[in-house]
PDB file of N, CA and C in Angstrom:
ATOM      1  N   UNK A   1     154.445  53.007  88.780  1.00  0.00           N
ATOM      2  CA  UNK A   1     154.641  52.728  90.346  1.00  0.00           C
ATOM      3  C   UNK A   1     153.995  51.567  90.692  1.00  0.00           C
ATOM      4  N   UNK A   2     154.580  50.722  91.508  1.00  0.00           N
ATOM      5  CA  UNK A   2     154.130  49.537  92.119  1.00  0.00           C
ATOM      6  C   UNK A   2     153.477  49.929  93.063  1.00  0.00           C
ATOM      7  N   UNK A   3     152.256  49.399  93.575  1.00  0.00           N
ATOM      8  CA  UNK A   3     151.347  49.608  94.812  1.00  0.00           C
ATOM      9  C   UNK A   3     151.461  48.319  95.567  1.00  0.00           C
ATOM     10  N   UNK A   4     151.809  48.011  96.777  1.00  0.00           N
ATOM     11  CA  UNK A   4     151.732  46.914  97.471  1.00  0.00           C
ATOM     12  C   UNK A   4     150.675  47.169  98.573  1.00  0.00           C
ATOM     13  N   UNK A   5     149.640  46.447  98.383  1.00  0.00           N
ATOM     14  CA  UNK A   5     148.747  46.514  99.741  1.00  0.00           C
ATOM     15  C   UNK A   5     148.667  45.154 100.687  1.00  0.00           C
ATOM     16  N   UNK A   6     149.039  45.672 102.011  1.00  0.00           N
ATOM     17  CA  UNK A   6     149.198  44.626 102.919  1.00  0.00           C
ATOM     18  C   UNK A   6     147.744  44.379 103.624  1.00  0.00           C
ATOM     19  N   UNK A   7     147.239  43.216 103.695  1.00  0.00           N
ATOM     20  CA  UNK A   7     145.911  42.970 104.297  1.00  0.00           C
ATOM     21  C   UNK A   7     146.134  42.205 105.663  1.00  0.00           C
ATOM     22  N   UNK A   8     145.605  42.855 106.656  1.00  0.00           N
ATOM     23  CA  UNK A   8     145.418  42.563 107.774  1.00  0.00           C
ATOM     24  C   UNK A   8     144.264  42.672 108.676  1.00  0.00           C
ATOM     25  N   UNK A   9     143.809  41.713 109.543  1.00  0.00           N
ATOM     26  CA  UNK A   9     142.474  41.640 110.100  1.00  0.00           C
ATOM     27  C   UNK A   9     142.642  43.061 111.356  1.00  0.00           C
ATOM     28  N   UNK A  10     141.502  43.264 112.215  1.00  0.00           N
ATOM     29  CA  UNK A  10     141.660  44.187 113.151  1.00  0.00           C
ATOM     30  C   UNK A  10     142.641  44.236 114.238  1.00  0.00           C
ATOM     31  N   UNK A  11     143.189  42.545 114.350  1.00  0.00           N
ATOM     32  CA  UNK A  11     144.054  42.512 115.307  1.00  0.00           C
ATOM     33  C   UNK A  11     145.483  42.567 114.700  1.00  0.00           C
ATOM     34  N   UNK A  12     145.632  42.933 113.654  1.00  0.00           N
ATOM     35  CA  UNK A  12     146.980  43.055 112.991  1.00  0.00           C
ATOM     36  C   UNK A  12     147.476  41.721 112.653  1.00  0.00           C
ATOM     37  N   UNK A  13     146.674  40.777 112.455  1.00  0.00           N
ATOM     38  CA  UNK A  13     147.295  39.685 111.846  1.00  0.00           C
ATOM     39  C   UNK A  13     147.213  39.703 110.276  1.00  0.00           C
ATOM     40  N   UNK A  14     148.151  39.324 109.832  1.00  0.00           N
ATOM     41  CA  UNK A  14     148.491  39.390 108.385  1.00  0.00           C
ATOM     42  C   UNK A  14     147.480  38.553 107.636  1.00  0.00           C
ATOM     43  N   UNK A  15     146.867  38.857 106.492  1.00  0.00           N
ATOM     44  CA  UNK A  15     145.894  37.784 105.782  1.00  0.00           C
ATOM     45  C   UNK A  15     146.412  37.638 104.406  1.00  0.00           C
ATOM     46  N   UNK A  16     147.225  38.591 103.965  1.00  0.00           N
ATOM     47  CA  UNK A  16     147.909  38.354 102.591  1.00  0.00           C
ATOM     48  C   UNK A  16     148.446  39.832 101.870  1.00  0.00           C
ATOM     49  N   UNK A  17     148.812  39.541 100.696  1.00  0.00           N
ATOM     50  CA  UNK A  17     149.035  40.942 100.007  1.00  0.00           C
ATOM     51  C   UNK A  17     148.951  40.975  98.453  1.00  0.00           C
ATOM     52  N   UNK A  18     148.842  42.422  98.052  1.00  0.00           N
ATOM     53  CA  UNK A  18     148.482  42.320  96.539  1.00  0.00           C
ATOM     54  C   UNK A  18     149.452  43.477  96.085  1.00  0.00           C
ATOM     55  N   UNK A  19     149.804  42.996  94.714  1.00  0.00           N
ATOM     56  CA  UNK A  19     150.682  44.326  93.995  1.00  0.00           C
ATOM     57  C   UNK A  19     150.103  44.258  92.879  1.00  0.00           C
ATOM     58  N   UNK A  20     150.283  45.711  92.436  1.00  0.00           N
ATOM     59  CA  UNK A  20     149.742  46.223  91.017  1.00  0.00           C
ATOM     60  C   UNK A  20     150.584  47.240  90.525  1.00  0.00           C
ATOM     61  N   UNK A  21     150.790  47.174  89.164  1.00  0.00           N
ATOM     62  CA  UNK A  21     151.433  48.151  88.704  1.00  0.00           C
ATOM     63  C   UNK A  21     153.123  47.882  88.228  1.00  0.00           C
ATOM     64  N   UNK A  22     153.773  48.382  87.459  1.00  0.00           N
ATOM     65  CA  UNK A  22     155.161  48.316  87.242  1.00  0.00           C
ATOM     66  C   UNK A  22     155.824  49.426  87.989  1.00  0.00           C
ATOM     67  N   UNK A  23     157.393  49.161  88.662  1.00  0.00           N
ATOM     68  CA  UNK A  23     157.936  50.113  89.250  1.00  0.00           C
ATOM     69  C   UNK A  23     158.047  51.304  88.243  1.00  0.00           C
ATOM     70  N   UNK A  24     158.595  51.022  87.012  1.00  0.00           N
ATOM     71  CA  UNK A  24     159.116  52.164  86.122  1.00  0.00           C
ATOM     72  C   UNK A  24     160.243  52.763  86.449  1.00  0.00           C
ATOM     73  N   UNK A  25     161.130  52.130  87.117  1.00  0.00           N
ATOM     74  CA  UNK A  25     162.300  52.895  87.618  1.00  0.00           C
ATOM     75  C   UNK A  25     163.363  52.935  86.337  1.00  0.00           C
ATOM     76  N   UNK A  26     163.290  51.963  85.514  1.00  0.00           N
ATOM     77  CA  UNK A  26     163.983  51.673  84.185  1.00  0.00           C
ATOM     78  C   UNK A  26     163.464  50.808  83.344  1.00  0.00           C
ATOM     79  N   UNK A  27     163.950  50.772  82.155  1.00  0.00           N
ATOM     80  CA  UNK A  27     163.408  49.574  81.355  1.00  0.00           C
ATOM     81  C   UNK A  27     163.239  48.283  81.927  1.00  0.00           C
ATOM     82  N   UNK A  28     162.343  47.465  81.136  1.00  0.00           N
ATOM     83  CA  UNK A  28     162.211  45.855  81.536  1.00  0.00           C
ATOM     84  C   UNK A  28     163.605  45.237  81.402  1.00  0.00           C
ATOM     85  N   UNK A  29     164.104  44.562  82.666  1.00  0.00           N
ATOM     86  CA  UNK A  29     164.985  44.040  82.429  1.00  0.00           C
ATOM     87  C   UNK A  29     166.562  44.479  83.165  1.00  0.00           C
ATOM     88  N   UNK A  30     166.134  45.933  83.434  1.00  0.00           N
ATOM     89  CA  UNK A  30     167.062  46.731  84.133  1.00  0.00           C
ATOM     90  C   UNK A  30     166.650  47.333  85.150  1.00  0.00           C
ATOM     91  N   UNK A  31     165.288  47.102  85.796  1.00  0.00           N
ATOM     92  CA  UNK A  31     164.499  48.020  86.601  1.00  0.00           C
ATOM     93  C   UNK A  31     165.041  47.165  87.985  1.00  0.00           C
ATOM     94  N   UNK A  32     165.879  47.736  88.772  1.00  0.00           N
ATOM     95  CA  UNK A  32     166.244  47.043  89.869  1.00  0.00           C
ATOM     96  C   UNK A  32     165.353  47.480  91.099  1.00  0.00           C
ATOM     97  N   UNK A  33     164.455  48.287  91.088  1.00  0.00           N
ATOM     98  CA  UNK A  33     163.282  48.368  91.802  1.00  0.00           C
ATOM     99  C   UNK A  33     162.097  47.239  91.760  1.00  0.00           C
ATOM    100  N   UNK A  34     162.005  46.814  90.582  1.00  0.00           N
ATOM    101  CA  UNK A  34     160.926  45.943  90.115  1.00  0.00           C
ATOM    102  C   UNK A  34     161.416  44.491  90.753  1.00  0.00           C
ATOM    103  N   UNK A  35     162.843  44.429  90.455  1.00  0.00           N
ATOM    104  CA  UNK A  35     163.575  43.436  90.506  1.00  0.00           C
ATOM    105  C   UNK A  35     163.496  42.876  92.143  1.00  0.00           C
ATOM    106  N   UNK A  36     163.645  44.036  93.033  1.00  0.00           N
ATOM    107  CA  UNK A  36     163.780  43.959  94.451  1.00  0.00           C
ATOM    108  C   UNK A  36     162.268  43.501  94.853  1.00  0.00           C
ATOM    109  N   UNK A  37     161.199  44.112  94.362  1.00  0.00           N
ATOM    110  CA  UNK A  37     159.824  43.952  94.641  1.00  0.00           C
ATOM    111  C   UNK A  37     159.638  42.295  94.481  1.00  0.00           C
ATOM    112  N   UNK A  38     159.960  41.962  93.238  1.00  0.00           N
ATOM    113  CA  UNK A  38     159.695  40.590  92.734  1.00  0.00           C
ATOM    114  C   UNK A  38     160.275  39.622  93.768  1.00  0.00           C
ATOM    115  N   UNK A  39     161.721  39.779  93.881  1.00  0.00           N
ATOM    116  CA  UNK A  39     162.452  38.908  94.879  1.00  0.00           C
ATOM    117  C   UNK A  39     161.749  38.972  96.200  1.00  0.00           C
ATOM    118  N   UNK A  40     161.451  39.595  96.837  1.00  0.00           N
ATOM    119  CA  UNK A  40     160.888  39.939  98.327  1.00  0.00           C
ATOM    120  C   UNK A  40     159.429  39.120  98.229  1.00  0.00           C
ATOM    121  N   UNK A  41     158.734  39.407  97.348  1.00  0.00           N
ATOM    122  CA  UNK A  41     157.529  38.852  97.370  1.00  0.00           C
ATOM    123  C   UNK A  41     157.474  37.493  96.882  1.00  0.00           C
ATOM    124  N   UNK A  42     158.007  36.997  95.732  1.00  0.00           N
ATOM    125  CA  UNK A  42     158.088  35.719  95.541  1.00  0.00           C
ATOM    126  C   UNK A  42     158.970  34.665  96.359  1.00  0.00           C
ATOM    127  N   UNK A  43     159.831  35.367  97.064  1.00  0.00           N
ATOM    128  CA  UNK A  43     160.625  34.631  98.210  1.00  0.00           C
ATOM    129  C   UNK A  43     159.748  34.244  99.297  1.00  0.00           C
ATOM    130  N   UNK A  44     158.857  35.160  99.557  1.00  0.00           N
ATOM    131  CA  UNK A  44     157.770  35.301 100.747  1.00  0.00           C
ATOM    132  C   UNK A  44     156.905  34.142 100.308  1.00  0.00           C
ATOM    133  N   UNK A  45     156.321  34.027  99.116  1.00  0.00           N
ATOM    134  CA  UNK A  45     155.333  33.153  98.694  1.00  0.00           C
ATOM    135  C   UNK A  45     156.071  31.602  98.708  1.00  0.00           C
ATOM    136  N   UNK A  46     157.303  31.314  98.148  1.00  0.00           N
ATOM    137  CA  UNK A  46     157.832  30.198  97.931  1.00  0.00           C
ATOM    138  C   UNK A  46     158.394  29.691  99.487  1.00  0.00           C
ATOM    139  N   UNK A  47     158.858  30.867 100.298  1.00  0.00           N
ATOM    140  CA  UNK A  47     159.169  30.284 101.907  1.00  0.00           C
ATOM    141  C   UNK A  47     157.675  29.783 102.370  1.00  0.00           C
ATOM    142  N   UNK A  48     156.597  30.601 102.481  1.00  0.00           N
ATOM    143  CA  UNK A  48     155.333  29.919 103.199  1.00  0.00           C
ATOM    144  C   UNK A  48     155.055  28.559 102.586  1.00  0.00           C
ATOM    145  N   UNK A  49     155.541  28.325 101.346  1.00  0.00           N
ATOM    146  CA  UNK A  49     154.886  26.812 100.809  1.00  0.00           C
ATOM    147  C   UNK A  49     155.927  25.931 101.235  1.00  0.00           C
ATOM    148  N   UNK A  50     157.055  26.421 101.399  1.00  0.00           N
ATOM    149  CA  UNK A  50     158.246  25.330 101.523  1.00  0.00           C
ATOM    150  C   UNK A  50     158.257  25.169 103.221  1.00  0.00           C
ATOM    151  N   UNK A  51     157.993  26.052 104.034  1.00  0.00           N
ATOM    152  CA  UNK A  51     158.413  26.032 105.327  1.00  0.00           C
ATOM    153  C   UNK A  51     157.147  26.023 106.351  1.00  0.00           C
ATOM    154  N   UNK A  52     156.027  25.930 105.905  1.00  0.00           N
ATOM    155  CA  UNK A  52     154.697  25.865 106.503  1.00  0.00           C
ATOM    156  C   UNK A  52     153.812  24.964 105.752  1.00  0.00           C
ATOM    157  N   UNK A  53     152.739  24.544 106.530  1.00  0.00           N
ATOM    158  CA  UNK A  53     151.792  23.546 105.992  1.00  0.00           C
ATOM    159  C   UNK A  53     150.370  24.469 105.816  1.00  0.00           C
ATOM    160  N   UNK A  54     150.767  25.975 105.868  1.00  0.00           N
ATOM    161  CA  UNK A  54     149.675  26.782 105.375  1.00  0.00           C
ATOM    162  C   UNK A  54     149.070  26.789 103.872  1.00  0.00           C
ATOM    163  N   UNK A  55     147.698  26.852 104.005  1.00  0.00           N
ATOM    164  CA  UNK A  55     147.093  27.000 102.637  1.00  0.00           C
ATOM    165  C   UNK A  55     146.790  28.545 102.283  1.00  0.00           C
ATOM    166  N   UNK A  56     147.009  28.588 101.084  1.00  0.00           N
ATOM    167  CA  UNK A  56     146.748  30.172 100.174  1.00  0.00           C
ATOM    168  C   UNK A  56     146.295  29.990  99.120  1.00  0.00           C
ATOM    169  N   UNK A  57     145.671  31.043  98.642  1.00  0.00           N
ATOM    170  CA  UNK A  57     144.973  31.376  97.160  1.00  0.00           C
ATOM    171  C   UNK A  57     146.262  32.360  96.554  1.00  0.00           C
ATOM    172  N   UNK A  58     146.430  32.172  95.454  1.00  0.00           N
ATOM    173  CA  UNK A  58     147.573  33.115  94.702  1.00  0.00           C
ATOM    174  C   UNK A  58     147.157  33.350  93.258  1.00  0.00           C
ATOM    175  N   UNK A  59     147.040  34.436  92.630  1.00  0.00           N
ATOM    176  CA  UNK A  59     146.958  34.857  91.408  1.00  0.00           C
ATOM    177  C   UNK A  59     148.039  35.921  90.702  1.00  0.00           C
ATOM    178  N   UNK A  60     148.260  35.630  89.541  1.00  0.00           N
ATOM    179  CA  UNK A  60     149.464  36.545  88.844  1.00  0.00           C
ATOM    180  C   UNK A  60     149.196  36.977  87.829  1.00  0.00           C
ATOM    181  N   UNK A  61     149.684  38.011  87.266  1.00  0.00           N
ATOM    182  CA  UNK A  61     149.537  38.347  85.748  1.00  0.00           C
ATOM    183  C   UNK A  61     150.748  39.297  85.677  1.00  0.00           C
ATOM    184  N   UNK A  62     151.502  38.536  85.065  1.00  0.00           N
ATOM    185  CA  UNK A  62     153.174  39.090  84.887  1.00  0.00           C
ATOM    186  C   UNK A  62     153.111  40.327  84.137  1.00  0.00           C
ATOM    187  N   UNK A  63     152.498  40.132  82.837  1.00  0.00           N
ATOM    188  CA  UNK A  63     152.293  41.370  81.972  1.00  0.00           C
ATOM    189  C   UNK A  63     151.874  42.693  82.649  1.00  0.00           C
ATOM    190  N   UNK A  64     150.681  42.493  83.435  1.00  0.00           N
ATOM    191  CA  UNK A  64     150.332  43.938  84.117  1.00  0.00           C
ATOM    192  C   UNK A  64     150.996  44.268  85.405  1.00  0.00           C
ATOM    193  N   UNK A  65     151.597  43.321  86.070  1.00  0.00           N
ATOM    194  CA  UNK A  65     152.390  43.391  87.336  1.00  0.00           C
ATOM    195  C   UNK A  65     151.792  43.074  88.540  1.00  0.00           C
ATOM    196  N   UNK A  66     150.662  42.296  88.142  1.00  0.00           N
ATOM    197  CA  UNK A  66     149.716  41.930  89.309  1.00  0.00           C
ATOM    198  C   UNK A  66     150.015  40.476  89.926  1.00  0.00           C
ATOM    199  N   UNK A  67     149.751  40.694  91.368  1.00  0.00           N
ATOM    200  CA  UNK A  67     150.133  39.338  92.055  1.00  0.00           C
ATOM    201  C   UNK A  67     149.345  39.585  93.336  1.00  0.00           C
ATOM    202  N   UNK A  68     148.696  38.531  93.816  1.00  0.00           N
ATOM    203  CA  UNK A  68     147.968  38.716  95.062  1.00  0.00           C
ATOM    204  C   UNK A  68     147.967  37.168  95.657  1.00  0.00           C
ATOM    205  N   UNK A  69     148.529  37.152  97.138  1.00  0.00           N
ATOM    206  CA  UNK A  69     148.450  35.998  98.104  1.00  0.00           C
ATOM    207  C   UNK A  69     147.354  36.141  98.968  1.00  0.00           C
ATOM    208  N   UNK A  70     146.671  35.328  99.277  1.00  0.00           N
ATOM    209  CA  UNK A  70     145.609  35.294 100.707  1.00  0.00           C
ATOM    210  C   UNK A  70     145.842  34.422 101.292  1.00  0.00           C
ATOM    211  N   UNK A  71     146.110  34.269 102.620  1.00  0.00           N
ATOM    212  CA  UNK A  71     146.253  33.270 103.371  1.00  0.00           C
ATOM    213  C   UNK A  71     144.917  32.429 103.886  1.00  0.00           C
ATOM    214  N   UNK A  72     144.849  31.304 104.271  1.00  0.00           N
ATOM    215  CA  UNK A  72     143.635  30.588 104.857  1.00  0.00           C
ATOM    216  C   UNK A  72     143.575  31.167 106.201  1.00  0.00           C
ATOM    217  N   UNK A  73     142.426  30.986 106.691  1.00  0.00           N
ATOM    218  CA  UNK A  73     141.996  31.316 108.010  1.00  0.00           C
ATOM    219  C   UNK A  73     142.921  31.089 109.190  1.00  0.00           C
ATOM    220  N   UNK A  74     143.617  30.063 108.855  1.00  0.00           N
ATOM    221  CA  UNK A  74     144.245  29.281 110.065  1.00  0.00           C
ATOM    222  C   UNK A  74     145.706  29.616 109.882  1.00  0.00           C
ATOM    223  N   UNK A  75     146.003  30.529 109.497  1.00  0.00           N
ATOM    224  CA  UNK A  75     147.586  30.616 108.925  1.00  0.00           C
ATOM    225  C   UNK A  75     148.591  30.305 110.400  1.00  0.00           C
ATOM    226  N   UNK A  76     149.617  30.097 110.164  1.00  0.00           N
ATOM    227  CA  UNK A  76     150.629  29.851 111.271  1.00  0.00           C
ATOM    228  C   UNK A  76     151.289  31.057 111.567  1.00  0.00           C
ATOM    229  N   UNK A  77     152.053  31.004 112.852  1.00  0.00           N
ATOM    230  CA  UNK A  77     152.795  32.129 113.112  1.00  0.00           C
ATOM    231  C   UNK A  77     154.224  32.138 112.085  1.00  0.00           C
ATOM    232  N   UNK A  78     154.578  31.133 111.679  1.00  0.00           N
ATOM    233  CA  UNK A  78     155.491  31.134 110.572  1.00  0.00           C
ATOM    234  C   UNK A  78     155.269  32.074 109.479  1.00  0.00           C
ATOM    235  N   UNK A  79     153.916  31.925 109.058  1.00  0.00           N
ATOM    236  CA  UNK A  79     153.486  32.734 107.727  1.00  0.00           C
ATOM    237  C   UNK A  79     153.311  34.117 108.175  1.00  0.00           C
ATOM    238  N   UNK A  80     153.141  34.549 109.373  1.00  0.00           N
ATOM    239  CA  UNK A  80     153.019  35.875 109.940  1.00  0.00           C
ATOM    240  C   UNK A  80     154.522  36.332 110.015  1.00  0.00           C
ATOM    241  N   UNK A  81     155.646  35.724 110.526  1.00  0.00           N
ATOM    242  CA  UNK A  81     156.993  35.983 110.502  1.00  0.00           C
ATOM    243  C   UNK A  81     157.171  36.176 109.223  1.00  0.00           C
ATOM    244  N   UNK A  82     157.058  35.495 108.345  1.00  0.00           N
ATOM    245  CA  UNK A  82     157.599  35.623 106.938  1.00  0.00           C
ATOM    246  C   UNK A  82     157.058  36.689 106.191  1.00  0.00           C
ATOM    247  N   UNK A  83     155.712  37.131 106.365  1.00  0.00           N
ATOM    248  CA  UNK A  83     155.150  38.439 105.557  1.00  0.00           C
ATOM    249  C   UNK A  83     155.562  39.552 106.361  1.00  0.00           C
ATOM    250  N   UNK A  84     155.823  39.423 107.672  1.00  0.00           N
ATOM    251  CA  UNK A  84     156.376  40.553 108.458  1.00  0.00           C
ATOM    252  C   UNK A  84     157.791  41.026 107.944  1.00  0.00           C
ATOM    253  N   UNK A  85     158.415  40.000 107.714  1.00  0.00           N
ATOM    254  CA  UNK A  85     160.002  40.186 106.836  1.00  0.00           C
ATOM    255  C   UNK A  85     159.884  40.849 105.335  1.00  0.00           C
ATOM    256  N   UNK A  86     158.841  40.424 104.527  1.00  0.00           N
ATOM    257  CA  UNK A  86     158.622  41.042 103.576  1.00  0.00           C
ATOM    258  C   UNK A  86     158.460  42.416 103.704  1.00  0.00           C
ATOM    259  N   UNK A  87     157.442  42.732 104.690  1.00  0.00           N
ATOM    260  CA  UNK A  87     156.909  44.153 104.796  1.00  0.00           C
ATOM    261  C   UNK A  87     158.169  44.862 105.135  1.00  0.00           C
ATOM    262  N   UNK A  88     158.875  44.448 105.992  1.00  0.00           N
ATOM    263  CA  UNK A  88     160.325  45.286 106.632  1.00  0.00           C
ATOM    264  C   UNK A  88     160.895  45.463 105.277  1.00  0.00           C
ATOM    265  N   UNK A  89     161.084  44.709 104.465  1.00  0.00           N
ATOM    266  CA  UNK A  89     162.103  45.079 103.352  1.00  0.00           C
ATOM    267  C   UNK A  89     161.512  45.676 102.322  1.00  0.00           C
ATOM    268  N   UNK A  90     160.255  45.672 102.045  1.00  0.00           N
ATOM    269  CA  UNK A  90     159.424  46.692 101.183  1.00  0.00           C
ATOM    270  C   UNK A  90     159.301  48.024 101.599  1.00  0.00           C
ATOM    271  N   UNK A  91     159.309  48.075 103.046  1.00  0.00           N
ATOM    272  CA  UNK A  91     159.477  49.312 103.689  1.00  0.00           C
ATOM    273  C   UNK A  91     160.675  50.088 103.484  1.00  0.00           C
ATOM    274  N   UNK A  92     161.684  49.235 103.612  1.00  0.00           N
ATOM    275  CA  UNK A  92     162.970  49.923 103.271  1.00  0.00           C
ATOM    276  C   UNK A  92     163.386  50.434 101.936  1.00  0.00           C
ATOM    277  N   UNK A  93     162.570  49.386 101.013  1.00  0.00           N
ATOM    278  CA  UNK A  93     162.459  50.010  99.578  1.00  0.00           C
ATOM    279  C   UNK A  93     161.777  51.220  99.337  1.00  0.00           C
ATOM    280  N   UNK A  94     160.613  51.432  99.892  1.00  0.00           N
ATOM    281  CA  UNK A  94     159.808  52.476  99.667  1.00  0.00           C
ATOM    282  C   UNK A  94     160.381  53.623 100.265  1.00  0.00           C
ATOM    283  N   UNK A  95     161.210  53.771 101.353  1.00  0.00           N
ATOM    284  CA  UNK A  95     161.772  54.825 101.900  1.00  0.00           C
ATOM    285  C   UNK A  95     163.065  55.424 100.709  1.00  0.00           C
ATOM    286  N   UNK A  96     163.812  54.568 100.322  1.00  0.00           N
ATOM    287  CA  UNK A  96     164.770  54.869  99.173  1.00  0.00           C
ATOM    288  C   UNK A  96     164.325  55.062  97.716  1.00  0.00           C
ATOM    289  N   UNK A  97     163.070  54.712  97.574  1.00  0.00           N
ATOM    290  CA  UNK A  97     162.342  54.638  96.032  1.00  0.00           C
ATOM    291  C   UNK A  97     160.975  55.220  95.923  1.00  0.00           C
ATOM    292  N   UNK A  98     160.814  56.301  97.008  1.00  0.00           N
ATOM    293  CA  UNK A  98     159.362  56.631  97.244  1.00  0.00           C
ATOM    294  C   UNK A  98     158.413  56.577  95.721  1.00  0.00           C
ATOM    295  N   UNK A  99     158.966  57.203  94.708  1.00  0.00           N
ATOM    296  CA  UNK A  99     158.577  57.444  93.475  1.00  0.00           C
ATOM    297  C   UNK A  99     158.059  56.181  92.574  1.00  0.00           C
ATOM    298  N   UNK A 100     158.736  55.118  93.112  1.00  0.00           N
ATOM    299  CA  UNK A 100     158.263  53.820  92.412  1.00  0.00           C
ATOM    300  C   UNK A 100     157.601  52.560  93.112  1.00  0.00           C
ATOM    301  N   UNK A 101     157.566  52.940  94.459  1.00  0.00           N
ATOM    302  CA  UNK A 101     156.979  51.927  95.149  1.00  0.00           C
ATOM    303  C   UNK A 101     156.127  52.521  96.352  1.00  0.00           C
ATOM    304  N   UNK A 102     154.813  52.244  96.422  1.00  0.00           N
ATOM    305  CA  UNK A 102     154.036  52.460  97.545  1.00  0.00           C
ATOM    306  C   UNK A 102     153.424  51.364  98.474  1.00  0.00           C
ATOM    307  N   UNK A 103     153.574  51.533  99.646  1.00  0.00           N
ATOM    308  CA  UNK A 103     153.109  50.448 100.538  1.00  0.00           C
ATOM    309  C   UNK A 103     152.094  50.689 101.393  1.00  0.00           C
ATOM    310  N   UNK A 104     150.908  50.391 101.349  1.00  0.00           N
ATOM    311  CA  UNK A 104     149.651  50.715 102.034  1.00  0.00           C
ATOM    312  C   UNK A 104     149.037  49.590 102.746  1.00  0.00           C
ATOM    313  N   UNK A 105     148.318  49.653 103.876  1.00  0.00           N
ATOM    314  CA  UNK A 105     147.636  48.505 104.497  1.00  0.00           C
ATOM    315  C   UNK A 105     146.107  49.011 104.469  1.00  0.00           C
ATOM    316  N   UNK A 106     145.424  47.657 104.592  1.00  0.00           N
ATOM    317  CA  UNK A 106     144.057  47.538 104.510  1.00  0.00           C
ATOM    318  C   UNK A 106     143.344  46.595 105.426  1.00  0.00           C
ATOM    319  N   UNK A 107     142.333  46.887 106.116  1.00  0.00           N
ATOM    320  CA  UNK A 107     141.930  45.967 107.254  1.00  0.00           C
ATOM    321  C   UNK A 107     140.682  45.152 106.517  1.00  0.00           C
ATOM    322  N   UNK A 108     140.959  43.841 106.715  1.00  0.00           N
ATOM    323  CA  UNK A 108     139.977  42.906 105.987  1.00  0.00           C
ATOM    324  C   UNK A 108     139.411  42.075 107.009  1.00  0.00           C
TER     325      UNK A 108
END
């Protein structure tokens, strides 16, 4: 199962997200759940980098299925919208594949 933790402050402002684990829906290369998670999260990171001037830290370990992005304190509304869009997609994925992906929120 892939667990996606969404980090927000007490005002609901997105601060970042973290993924851990492999979905386990199918074998590597055929796992549509893993592919969907990867596409949503990677596109969000690439979009923040391309369409904003925001700074962020990023870690990844493909072997273990770990990924983490944390926004700088002064993140723009654009980054908020991009992460919100990612969360929407992941929420829909969780509804359809509850055994393979879990979305949770954490206040930071």
